[in-house]
Amino acid sequence: MLTEFANSCAQKGRVFANSRGGRFDYAKRFRAAVEAAELTDFKFHDLRHSAATYLAREGASEQQLRAIGGWKSGVVGRYVHIAAEDARGILQRMNERILPTNRN
């Protein structure tokens, strides 16, 4: 999807382009944001993993994640697994609320 977006724009195949259509230099701004948030060992590429995790938690299928992120390998299954673990906890909390074990 990102490739399609980049190719559909007058950005010379770039998803993020500067005002002249050239390469957008995000590094300085990104470093400043990471420092302001007091994060350690956080790289720009980590945003891709975070986005995939959030999408999976919102119910994105493996095929949707592949289309959005462009993954070709089985790495996308990692995000679906995380979402499944989250779902298990949600279901457990729902069951505890509906079927409380301690009835007074």
PDB file of N, CA and C in Angstrom:
ATOM      1  N   MET A   1       0.812  -1.188   0.000  1.00  0.00           N
ATOM      2  CA  MET A   1       0.000   0.000   0.000  1.00  0.00           C
ATOM      3  C   MET A   1       0.862   1.261   0.000  1.00  0.00           C
ATOM      4  N   LEU A   2       1.931   1.239   0.792  1.00  0.00           N
ATOM      5  CA  LEU A   2       2.803   2.410   0.828  1.00  0.00           C
ATOM      6  C   LEU A   2       3.481   2.615  -0.520  1.00  0.00           C
ATOM      7  N   THR A   3       3.855   1.508  -1.167  1.00  0.00           N
ATOM      8  CA  THR A   3       4.474   1.607  -2.489  1.00  0.00           C
ATOM      9  C   THR A   3       3.496   2.210  -3.486  1.00  0.00           C
ATOM     10  N   GLU A   4       2.248   1.759  -3.437  1.00  0.00           N
ATOM     11  CA  GLU A   4       1.221   2.314  -4.327  1.00  0.00           C
ATOM     12  C   GLU A   4       1.042   3.808  -4.078  1.00  0.00           C
ATOM     13  N   PHE A   5       1.017   4.197  -2.790  1.00  0.00           N
ATOM     14  CA  PHE A   5       0.870   5.614  -2.452  1.00  0.00           C
ATOM     15  C   PHE A   5       2.033   6.422  -3.012  1.00  0.00           C
ATOM     16  N   ALA A   6       3.219   5.924  -2.780  1.00  0.00           N
ATOM     17  CA  ALA A   6       4.405   6.644  -3.242  1.00  0.00           C
ATOM     18  C   ALA A   6       4.413   6.767  -4.758  1.00  0.00           C
ATOM     19  N   ASN A   7       4.038   5.706  -5.450  1.00  0.00           N
ATOM     20  CA  ASN A   7       4.026   5.743  -6.913  1.00  0.00           C
ATOM     21  C   ASN A   7       2.900   6.594  -7.465  1.00  0.00           C
ATOM     22  N   SER A   8       1.818   6.756  -6.696  1.00  0.00           N
ATOM     23  CA  SER A   8       0.695   7.546  -7.183  1.00  0.00           C
ATOM     24  C   SER A   8       0.937   9.040  -7.021  1.00  0.00           C
ATOM     25  N   CYS A   9       1.889   9.392  -6.200  1.00  0.00           N
ATOM     26  CA  CYS A   9       2.197  10.804  -5.957  1.00  0.00           C
ATOM     27  C   CYS A   9       3.363  11.240  -6.835  1.00  0.00           C
ATOM     28  N   ALA A  10       3.497  12.519  -6.933  1.00  0.00           N
ATOM     29  CA  ALA A  10       4.639  13.048  -7.675  1.00  0.00           C
ATOM     30  C   ALA A  10       5.835  13.125  -6.742  1.00  0.00           C
ATOM     31  N   GLN A  11       6.133  12.004  -6.067  1.00  0.00           N
ATOM     32  CA  GLN A  11       7.188  11.985  -5.069  1.00  0.00           C
ATOM     33  C   GLN A  11       8.349  11.092  -5.482  1.00  0.00           C
ATOM     34  N   LYS A  12       8.395  10.711  -6.741  1.00  0.00           N
ATOM     35  CA  LYS A  12       9.506   9.900  -7.242  1.00  0.00           C
ATOM     36  C   LYS A  12       9.657   8.608  -6.443  1.00  0.00           C
ATOM     37  N   GLY A  13       8.528   7.965  -6.119  1.00  0.00           N
ATOM     38  CA  GLY A  13       8.580   6.704  -5.394  1.00  0.00           C
ATOM     39  C   GLY A  13       8.838   6.842  -3.910  1.00  0.00           C
ATOM     40  N   ARG A  14       8.734   8.031  -3.356  1.00  0.00           N
ATOM     41  CA  ARG A  14       8.978   8.245  -1.930  1.00  0.00           C
ATOM     42  C   ARG A  14       7.653   8.359  -1.184  1.00  0.00           C
ATOM     43  N   VAL A  15       7.572   7.692  -0.045  1.00  0.00           N
ATOM     44  CA  VAL A  15       6.397   7.822   0.799  1.00  0.00           C
ATOM     45  C   VAL A  15       6.464   9.150   1.543  1.00  0.00           C
ATOM     46  N   PHE A  16       7.637   9.485   2.042  1.00  0.00           N
ATOM     47  CA  PHE A  16       7.847  10.745   2.736  1.00  0.00           C
ATOM     48  C   PHE A  16       8.791  11.586   1.881  1.00  0.00           C
ATOM     49  N   ALA A  17       8.283  12.686   1.368  1.00  0.00           N
ATOM     50  CA  ALA A  17       9.102  13.553   0.516  1.00  0.00           C
ATOM     51  C   ALA A  17       9.114  14.961   1.094  1.00  0.00           C
ATOM     52  N   ASN A  18      10.170  15.690   0.779  1.00  0.00           N
ATOM     53  CA  ASN A  18      10.212  17.079   1.221  1.00  0.00           C
ATOM     54  C   ASN A  18       9.382  17.931   0.256  1.00  0.00           C
ATOM     55  N   SER A  19       9.346  19.223   0.473  1.00  0.00           N
ATOM     56  CA  SER A  19       8.498  20.108  -0.336  1.00  0.00           C
ATOM     57  C   SER A  19       8.913  20.155  -1.803  1.00  0.00           C
ATOM     58  N   ARG A  20      10.142  19.731  -2.114  1.00  0.00           N
ATOM     59  CA  ARG A  20      10.609  19.725  -3.514  1.00  0.00           C
ATOM     60  C   ARG A  20      10.520  18.327  -4.127  1.00  0.00           C
ATOM     61  N   GLY A  21       9.920  17.367  -3.382  1.00  0.00           N
ATOM     62  CA  GLY A  21       9.790  16.012  -3.897  1.00  0.00           C
ATOM     63  C   GLY A  21      10.995  15.136  -3.645  1.00  0.00           C
ATOM     64  N   GLY A  22      11.983  15.678  -2.977  1.00  0.00           N
ATOM     65  CA  GLY A  22      13.188  14.899  -2.663  1.00  0.00           C
ATOM     66  C   GLY A  22      13.029  14.128  -1.365  1.00  0.00           C
ATOM     67  N   ARG A  23      14.115  13.562  -0.917  1.00  0.00           N
ATOM     68  CA  ARG A  23      14.109  12.758   0.308  1.00  0.00           C
ATOM     69  C   ARG A  23      13.855  13.646   1.524  1.00  0.00           C
ATOM     70  N   PHE A  24      12.877  13.274   2.326  1.00  0.00           N
ATOM     71  CA  PHE A  24      12.565  13.990   3.556  1.00  0.00           C
ATOM     72  C   PHE A  24      13.537  13.542   4.632  1.00  0.00           C
ATOM     73  N   ASP A  25      14.227  14.471   5.249  1.00  0.00           N
ATOM     74  CA  ASP A  25      15.194  14.138   6.296  1.00  0.00           C
ATOM     75  C   ASP A  25      14.492  14.216   7.650  1.00  0.00           C
ATOM     76  N   TYR A  26      14.082  13.078   8.151  1.00  0.00           N
ATOM     77  CA  TYR A  26      13.334  13.000   9.401  1.00  0.00           C
ATOM     78  C   TYR A  26      14.242  12.829  10.621  1.00  0.00           C
ATOM     79  N   ALA A  27      15.493  12.473  10.420  1.00  0.00           N
ATOM     80  CA  ALA A  27      16.369  12.027  11.510  1.00  0.00           C
ATOM     81  C   ALA A  27      16.479  13.048  12.647  1.00  0.00           C
ATOM     82  N   LYS A  28      16.706  14.302  12.334  1.00  0.00           N
ATOM     83  CA  LYS A  28      16.904  15.310  13.375  1.00  0.00           C
ATOM     84  C   LYS A  28      15.622  15.484  14.202  1.00  0.00           C
ATOM     85  N   ARG A  29      14.487  15.579  13.523  1.00  0.00           N
ATOM     86  CA  ARG A  29      13.212  15.742  14.232  1.00  0.00           C
ATOM     87  C   ARG A  29      12.875  14.500  15.050  1.00  0.00           C
ATOM     88  N   PHE A  30      13.154  13.334  14.481  1.00  0.00           N
ATOM     89  CA  PHE A  30      12.855  12.091  15.188  1.00  0.00           C
ATOM     90  C   PHE A  30      13.701  11.982  16.455  1.00  0.00           C
ATOM     91  N   ARG A  31      14.991  12.255  16.340  1.00  0.00           N
ATOM     92  CA  ARG A  31      15.874  12.204  17.520  1.00  0.00           C
ATOM     93  C   ARG A  31      15.389  13.156  18.607  1.00  0.00           C
ATOM     94  N   ALA A  32      14.974  14.361  18.199  1.00  0.00           N
ATOM     95  CA  ALA A  32      14.481  15.342  19.176  1.00  0.00           C
ATOM     96  C   ALA A  32      13.222  14.826  19.877  1.00  0.00           C
ATOM     97  N   ALA A  33      12.328  14.197  19.130  1.00  0.00           N
ATOM     98  CA  ALA A  33      11.100  13.655  19.721  1.00  0.00           C
ATOM     99  C   ALA A  33      11.412  12.511  20.678  1.00  0.00           C
ATOM    100  N   VAL A  34      12.339  11.645  20.299  1.00  0.00           N
ATOM    101  CA  VAL A  34      12.729  10.517  21.157  1.00  0.00           C
ATOM    102  C   VAL A  34      13.346  11.038  22.448  1.00  0.00           C
ATOM    103  N   GLU A  35      14.207  12.044  22.345  1.00  0.00           N
ATOM    104  CA  GLU A  35      14.817  12.624  23.534  1.00  0.00           C
ATOM    105  C   GLU A  35      13.773  13.299  24.415  1.00  0.00           C
ATOM    106  N   ALA A  36      12.847  14.037  23.808  1.00  0.00           N
ATOM    107  CA  ALA A  36      11.805  14.714  24.580  1.00  0.00           C
ATOM    108  C   ALA A  36      10.919  13.712  25.310  1.00  0.00           C
ATOM    109  N   ALA A  37      10.695  12.553  24.711  1.00  0.00           N
ATOM    110  CA  ALA A  37       9.882  11.506  25.340  1.00  0.00           C
ATOM    111  C   ALA A  37      10.690  10.663  26.315  1.00  0.00           C
ATOM    112  N   GLU A  38      11.985  10.952  26.409  1.00  0.00           N
ATOM    113  CA  GLU A  38      12.898  10.239  27.299  1.00  0.00           C
ATOM    114  C   GLU A  38      12.903   8.733  27.025  1.00  0.00           C
ATOM    115  N   LEU A  39      12.900   8.379  25.741  1.00  0.00           N
ATOM    116  CA  LEU A  39      12.977   6.977  25.333  1.00  0.00           C
ATOM    117  C   LEU A  39      14.436   6.592  25.146  1.00  0.00           C
ATOM    118  N   THR A  40      14.749   5.346  25.419  1.00  0.00           N
ATOM    119  CA  THR A  40      16.097   4.858  25.187  1.00  0.00           C
ATOM    120  C   THR A  40      16.039   3.713  24.197  1.00  0.00           C
ATOM    121  N   ASP A  41      17.061   3.606  23.384  1.00  0.00           N
ATOM    122  CA  ASP A  41      17.189   2.524  22.406  1.00  0.00           C
ATOM    123  C   ASP A  41      15.942   2.382  21.539  1.00  0.00           C
ATOM    124  N   PHE A  42      15.444   3.505  21.015  1.00  0.00           N
ATOM    125  CA  PHE A  42      14.258   3.502  20.151  1.00  0.00           C
ATOM    126  C   PHE A  42      14.664   4.042  18.788  1.00  0.00           C
ATOM    127  N   LYS A  43      14.384   3.254  17.754  1.00  0.00           N
ATOM    128  CA  LYS A  43      14.777   3.615  16.394  1.00  0.00           C
ATOM    129  C   LYS A  43      13.535   3.871  15.543  1.00  0.00           C
ATOM    130  N   PHE A  44      13.709   4.597  14.461  1.00  0.00           N
ATOM    131  CA  PHE A  44      12.596   4.930  13.567  1.00  0.00           C
ATOM    132  C   PHE A  44      11.885   3.665  13.100  1.00  0.00           C
ATOM    133  N   HIS A  45      12.647   2.620  12.807  1.00  0.00           N
ATOM    134  CA  HIS A  45      12.062   1.370  12.330  1.00  0.00           C
ATOM    135  C   HIS A  45      11.135   0.739  13.373  1.00  0.00           C
ATOM    136  N   ASP A  46      11.342   1.037  14.649  1.00  0.00           N
ATOM    137  CA  ASP A  46      10.480   0.507  15.709  1.00  0.00           C
ATOM    138  C   ASP A  46       9.037   0.975  15.533  1.00  0.00           C
ATOM    139  N   LEU A  47       8.845   2.114  14.880  1.00  0.00           N
ATOM    140  CA  LEU A  47       7.490   2.613  14.635  1.00  0.00           C
ATOM    141  C   LEU A  47       6.702   1.652  13.750  1.00  0.00           C
ATOM    142  N   ARG A  48       7.385   1.006  12.830  1.00  0.00           N
ATOM    143  CA  ARG A  48       6.726   0.038  11.953  1.00  0.00           C
ATOM    144  C   ARG A  48       6.185  -1.135  12.771  1.00  0.00           C
ATOM    145  N   HIS A  49       6.989  -1.620  13.697  1.00  0.00           N
ATOM    146  CA  HIS A  49       6.562  -2.719  14.549  1.00  0.00           C
ATOM    147  C   HIS A  49       5.421  -2.285  15.471  1.00  0.00           C
ATOM    148  N   SER A  50       5.522  -1.077  15.998  1.00  0.00           N
ATOM    149  CA  SER A  50       4.456  -0.572  16.865  1.00  0.00           C
ATOM    150  C   SER A  50       3.148  -0.457  16.094  1.00  0.00           C
ATOM    151  N   ALA A  51       3.220   0.076  14.883  1.00  0.00           N
ATOM    152  CA  ALA A  51       2.008   0.220  14.070  1.00  0.00           C
ATOM    153  C   ALA A  51       1.383  -1.140  13.783  1.00  0.00           C
ATOM    154  N   ALA A  52       2.196  -2.126  13.450  1.00  0.00           N
ATOM    155  CA  ALA A  52       1.676  -3.466  13.167  1.00  0.00           C
ATOM    156  C   ALA A  52       1.011  -4.063  14.406  1.00  0.00           C
ATOM    157  N   THR A  53       1.601  -3.847  15.563  1.00  0.00           N
ATOM    158  CA  THR A  53       1.023  -4.360  16.799  1.00  0.00           C
ATOM    159  C   THR A  53      -0.325  -3.703  17.075  1.00  0.00           C
ATOM    160  N   TYR A  54      -0.390  -2.379  16.932  1.00  0.00           N
ATOM    161  CA  TYR A  54      -1.659  -1.666  17.155  1.00  0.00           C
ATOM    162  C   TYR A  54      -2.720  -2.117  16.153  1.00  0.00           C
ATOM    163  N   LEU A  55      -2.339  -2.270  14.900  1.00  0.00           N
ATOM    164  CA  LEU A  55      -3.291  -2.726  13.884  1.00  0.00           C
ATOM    165  C   LEU A  55      -3.815  -4.120  14.204  1.00  0.00           C
ATOM    166  N   ALA A  56      -2.932  -5.020  14.620  1.00  0.00           N
ATOM    167  CA  ALA A  56      -3.348  -6.380  14.976  1.00  0.00           C
ATOM    168  C   ALA A  56      -4.289  -6.351  16.176  1.00  0.00           C
ATOM    169  N   ARG A  57      -3.995  -5.516  17.145  1.00  0.00           N
ATOM    170  CA  ARG A  57      -4.864  -5.405  18.324  1.00  0.00           C
ATOM    171  C   ARG A  57      -6.239  -4.856  17.956  1.00  0.00           C
ATOM    172  N   GLU A  58      -6.302  -4.083  16.890  1.00  0.00           N
ATOM    173  CA  GLU A  58      -7.582  -3.543  16.427  1.00  0.00           C
ATOM    174  C   GLU A  58      -8.316  -4.523  15.523  1.00  0.00           C
ATOM    175  N   GLY A  59      -7.712  -5.686  15.296  1.00  0.00           N
ATOM    176  CA  GLY A  59      -8.401  -6.723  14.538  1.00  0.00           C
ATOM    177  C   GLY A  59      -7.932  -6.915  13.114  1.00  0.00           C
ATOM    178  N   ALA A  60      -6.855  -6.263  12.714  1.00  0.00           N
ATOM    179  CA  ALA A  60      -6.345  -6.451  11.351  1.00  0.00           C
ATOM    180  C   ALA A  60      -5.925  -7.902  11.156  1.00  0.00           C
ATOM    181  N   SER A  61      -6.294  -8.464  10.024  1.00  0.00           N
ATOM    182  CA  SER A  61      -5.920  -9.844   9.721  1.00  0.00           C
ATOM    183  C   SER A  61      -4.470  -9.893   9.257  1.00  0.00           C
ATOM    184  N   GLU A  62      -3.947 -11.106   9.181  1.00  0.00           N
ATOM    185  CA  GLU A  62      -2.577 -11.278   8.706  1.00  0.00           C
ATOM    186  C   GLU A  62      -2.445 -10.757   7.277  1.00  0.00           C
ATOM    187  N   GLN A  63      -3.450 -11.005   6.451  1.00  0.00           N
ATOM    188  CA  GLN A  63      -3.407 -10.528   5.065  1.00  0.00           C
ATOM    189  C   GLN A  63      -3.429  -9.000   5.014  1.00  0.00           C
ATOM    190  N   GLN A  64      -4.224  -8.381   5.877  1.00  0.00           N
ATOM    191  CA  GLN A  64      -4.268  -6.915   5.914  1.00  0.00           C
ATOM    192  C   GLN A  64      -2.935  -6.336   6.370  1.00  0.00           C
ATOM    193  N   LEU A  65      -2.338  -6.966   7.371  1.00  0.00           N
ATOM    194  CA  LEU A  65      -1.033  -6.485   7.836  1.00  0.00           C
ATOM    195  C   LEU A  65       0.016  -6.609   6.737  1.00  0.00           C
ATOM    196  N   ARG A  66      -0.021  -7.706   5.995  1.00  0.00           N
ATOM    197  CA  ARG A  66       0.921  -7.885   4.879  1.00  0.00           C
ATOM    198  C   ARG A  66       0.719  -6.794   3.827  1.00  0.00           C
ATOM    199  N   ALA A  67      -0.537  -6.484   3.518  1.00  0.00           N
ATOM    200  CA  ALA A  67      -0.827  -5.464   2.513  1.00  0.00           C
ATOM    201  C   ALA A  67      -0.369  -4.082   2.966  1.00  0.00           C
ATOM    202  N   ILE A  68      -0.593  -3.770   4.224  1.00  0.00           N
ATOM    203  CA  ILE A  68      -0.229  -2.455   4.750  1.00  0.00           C
ATOM    204  C   ILE A  68       1.279  -2.325   4.918  1.00  0.00           C
ATOM    205  N   GLY A  69       1.905  -3.341   5.520  1.00  0.00           N
ATOM    206  CA  GLY A  69       3.320  -3.246   5.857  1.00  0.00           C
ATOM    207  C   GLY A  69       4.276  -3.783   4.819  1.00  0.00           C
ATOM    208  N   GLY A  70       3.752  -4.513   3.855  1.00  0.00           N
ATOM    209  CA  GLY A  70       4.610  -5.040   2.802  1.00  0.00           C
ATOM    210  C   GLY A  70       5.451  -6.237   3.210  1.00  0.00           C
ATOM    211  N   TRP A  71       5.113  -6.890   4.316  1.00  0.00           N
ATOM    212  CA  TRP A  71       5.876  -8.056   4.743  1.00  0.00           C
ATOM    213  C   TRP A  71       5.632  -9.221   3.801  1.00  0.00           C
ATOM    214  N   LYS A  72       6.684  -9.922   3.473  1.00  0.00           N
ATOM    215  CA  LYS A  72       6.585 -11.105   2.630  1.00  0.00           C
ATOM    216  C   LYS A  72       6.814 -12.376   3.452  1.00  0.00           C
ATOM    217  N   SER A  73       7.538 -12.252   4.541  1.00  0.00           N
ATOM    218  CA  SER A  73       7.888 -13.417   5.361  1.00  0.00           C
ATOM    219  C   SER A  73       6.833 -13.650   6.432  1.00  0.00           C
ATOM    220  N   GLY A  74       7.073 -14.630   7.265  1.00  0.00           N
ATOM    221  CA  GLY A  74       6.149 -14.972   8.328  1.00  0.00           C
ATOM    222  C   GLY A  74       6.239 -14.076   9.546  1.00  0.00           C
ATOM    223  N   VAL A  75       7.028 -13.012   9.490  1.00  0.00           N
ATOM    224  CA  VAL A  75       7.210 -12.141  10.654  1.00  0.00           C
ATOM    225  C   VAL A  75       5.894 -11.511  11.088  1.00  0.00           C
ATOM    226  N   VAL A  76       4.965 -11.331  10.171  1.00  0.00           N
ATOM    227  CA  VAL A  76       3.695 -10.694  10.499  1.00  0.00           C
ATOM    228  C   VAL A  76       2.899 -11.545  11.493  1.00  0.00           C
ATOM    229  N   GLY A  77       3.142 -12.843  11.523  1.00  0.00           N
ATOM    230  CA  GLY A  77       2.474 -13.714  12.484  1.00  0.00           C
ATOM    231  C   GLY A  77       2.771 -13.342  13.918  1.00  0.00           C
ATOM    232  N   ARG A  78       3.897 -12.715  14.155  1.00  0.00           N
ATOM    233  CA  ARG A  78       4.284 -12.259  15.497  1.00  0.00           C
ATOM    234  C   ARG A  78       3.254 -11.265  16.035  1.00  0.00           C
ATOM    235  N   TYR A  79       2.787 -10.357  15.169  1.00  0.00           N
ATOM    236  CA  TYR A  79       1.836  -9.337  15.597  1.00  0.00           C
ATOM    237  C   TYR A  79       0.454  -9.936  15.830  1.00  0.00           C
ATOM    238  N   VAL A  80       0.078 -10.892  15.004  1.00  0.00           N
ATOM    239  CA  VAL A  80      -1.208 -11.565  15.173  1.00  0.00           C
ATOM    240  C   VAL A  80      -1.195 -12.350  16.482  1.00  0.00           C
ATOM    241  N   HIS A  81      -0.057 -12.966  16.809  1.00  0.00           N
ATOM    242  CA  HIS A  81       0.075 -13.711  18.068  1.00  0.00           C
ATOM    243  C   HIS A  81      -0.094 -12.774  19.262  1.00  0.00           C
ATOM    244  N   ILE A  82       0.504 -11.600  19.195  1.00  0.00           N
ATOM    245  CA  ILE A  82       0.370 -10.614  20.280  1.00  0.00           C
ATOM    246  C   ILE A  82      -1.094 -10.244  20.457  1.00  0.00           C
ATOM    247  N   ALA A  83      -1.802 -10.032  19.356  1.00  0.00           N
ATOM    248  CA  ALA A  83      -3.217  -9.686  19.426  1.00  0.00           C
ATOM    249  C   ALA A  83      -4.026 -10.818  20.041  1.00  0.00           C
ATOM    250  N   ALA A  84      -3.684 -12.060  19.713  1.00  0.00           N
ATOM    251  CA  ALA A  84      -4.386 -13.215  20.281  1.00  0.00           C
ATOM    252  C   ALA A  84      -4.178 -13.275  21.790  1.00  0.00           C
ATOM    253  N   GLU A  85      -2.974 -12.987  22.257  1.00  0.00           N
ATOM    254  CA  GLU A  85      -2.708 -12.970  23.692  1.00  0.00           C
ATOM    255  C   GLU A  85      -3.543 -11.885  24.370  1.00  0.00           C
ATOM    256  N   ASP A  86      -3.639 -10.698  23.741  1.00  0.00           N
ATOM    257  CA  ASP A  86      -4.457  -9.620  24.282  1.00  0.00           C
ATOM    258  C   ASP A  86      -5.918 -10.049  24.360  1.00  0.00           C
ATOM    259  N   ALA A  87      -6.400 -10.707  23.313  1.00  0.00           N
ATOM    260  CA  ALA A  87      -7.789 -11.152  23.272  1.00  0.00           C
ATOM    261  C   ALA A  87      -8.074 -12.143  24.393  1.00  0.00           C
ATOM    262  N   ARG A  88      -7.144 -13.013  24.680  1.00  0.00           N
ATOM    263  CA  ARG A  88      -7.326 -13.996  25.747  1.00  0.00           C
ATOM    264  C   ARG A  88      -7.561 -13.287  27.078  1.00  0.00           C
ATOM    265  N   GLY A  89      -6.804 -12.261  27.367  1.00  0.00           N
ATOM    266  CA  GLY A  89      -6.971 -11.507  28.605  1.00  0.00           C
ATOM    267  C   GLY A  89      -8.304 -10.780  28.662  1.00  0.00           C
ATOM    268  N   ILE A  90      -8.719 -10.228  27.533  1.00  0.00           N
ATOM    269  CA  ILE A  90     -10.005  -9.522  27.473  1.00  0.00           C
ATOM    270  C   ILE A  90     -11.146 -10.500  27.750  1.00  0.00           C
ATOM    271  N   LEU A  91     -11.082 -11.659  27.124  1.00  0.00           N
ATOM    272  CA  LEU A  91     -12.128 -12.667  27.340  1.00  0.00           C
ATOM    273  C   LEU A  91     -12.166 -13.126  28.794  1.00  0.00           C
ATOM    274  N   GLN A  92     -11.003 -13.274  29.400  1.00  0.00           N
ATOM    275  CA  GLN A  92     -10.947 -13.685  30.795  1.00  0.00           C
ATOM    276  C   GLN A  92     -11.588 -12.624  31.692  1.00  0.00           C
ATOM    277  N   ARG A  93     -11.288 -11.353  31.451  1.00  0.00           N
ATOM    278  CA  ARG A  93     -11.878 -10.280  32.256  1.00  0.00           C
ATOM    279  C   ARG A  93     -13.389 -10.230  32.073  1.00  0.00           C
ATOM    280  N   MET A  94     -13.859 -10.447  30.834  1.00  0.00           N
ATOM    281  CA  MET A  94     -15.292 -10.455  30.576  1.00  0.00           C
ATOM    282  C   MET A  94     -15.959 -11.594  31.349  1.00  0.00           C
ATOM    283  N   ASN A  95     -15.362 -12.777  31.301  1.00  0.00           N
ATOM    284  CA  ASN A  95     -15.923 -13.918  32.022  1.00  0.00           C
ATOM    285  C   ASN A  95     -15.975 -13.653  33.521  1.00  0.00           C
ATOM    286  N   GLU A  96     -14.956 -13.038  34.070  1.00  0.00           N
ATOM    287  CA  GLU A  96     -14.938 -12.740  35.495  1.00  0.00           C
ATOM    288  C   GLU A  96     -16.035 -11.750  35.865  1.00  0.00           C
ATOM    289  N   ARG A  97     -16.330 -10.833  34.967  1.00  0.00           N
ATOM    290  CA  ARG A  97     -17.377  -9.846  35.229  1.00  0.00           C
ATOM    291  C   ARG A  97     -18.761 -10.479  35.124  1.00  0.00           C
ATOM    292  N   ILE A  98     -18.955 -11.309  34.128  1.00  0.00           N
ATOM    293  CA  ILE A  98     -20.259 -11.928  33.902  1.00  0.00           C
ATOM    294  C   ILE A  98     -20.511 -13.068  34.876  1.00  0.00           C
ATOM    295  N   LEU A  99     -19.479 -13.860  35.127  1.00  0.00           N
ATOM    296  CA  LEU A  99     -19.607 -15.033  35.995  1.00  0.00           C
ATOM    297  C   LEU A  99     -18.666 -14.916  37.174  1.00  0.00           C
ATOM    298  N   PRO A 100     -18.953 -13.997  38.090  1.00  0.00           N
ATOM    299  CA  PRO A 100     -18.038 -13.818  39.232  1.00  0.00           C
ATOM    300  C   PRO A 100     -17.942 -15.101  40.063  1.00  0.00           C
ATOM    301  N   THR A 101     -16.743 -15.360  40.525  1.00  0.00           N
ATOM    302  CA  THR A 101     -16.515 -16.587  41.301  1.00  0.00           C
ATOM    303  C   THR A 101     -16.909 -16.398  42.767  1.00  0.00           C
ATOM    304  N   ASN A 102     -16.869 -15.165  43.264  1.00  0.00           N
ATOM    305  CA  ASN A 102     -17.234 -14.887  44.667  1.00  0.00           C
ATOM    306  C   ASN A 102     -18.570 -14.161  44.708  1.00  0.00           C
ATOM    307  N   ARG A 103     -19.626 -14.901  44.890  1.00  0.00           N
ATOM    308  CA  ARG A 103     -20.959 -14.283  44.982  1.00  0.00           C
ATOM    309  C   ARG A 103     -21.353 -14.171  46.459  1.00  0.00           C
ATOM    310  N   ASN A 104     -21.723 -12.969  46.857  1.00  0.00           N
ATOM    311  CA  ASN A 104     -22.109 -12.745  48.255  1.00  0.00           C
ATOM    312  C   ASN A 104     -23.592 -12.638  48.410  1.00  0.00           C
TER     313      ASN A 104
END
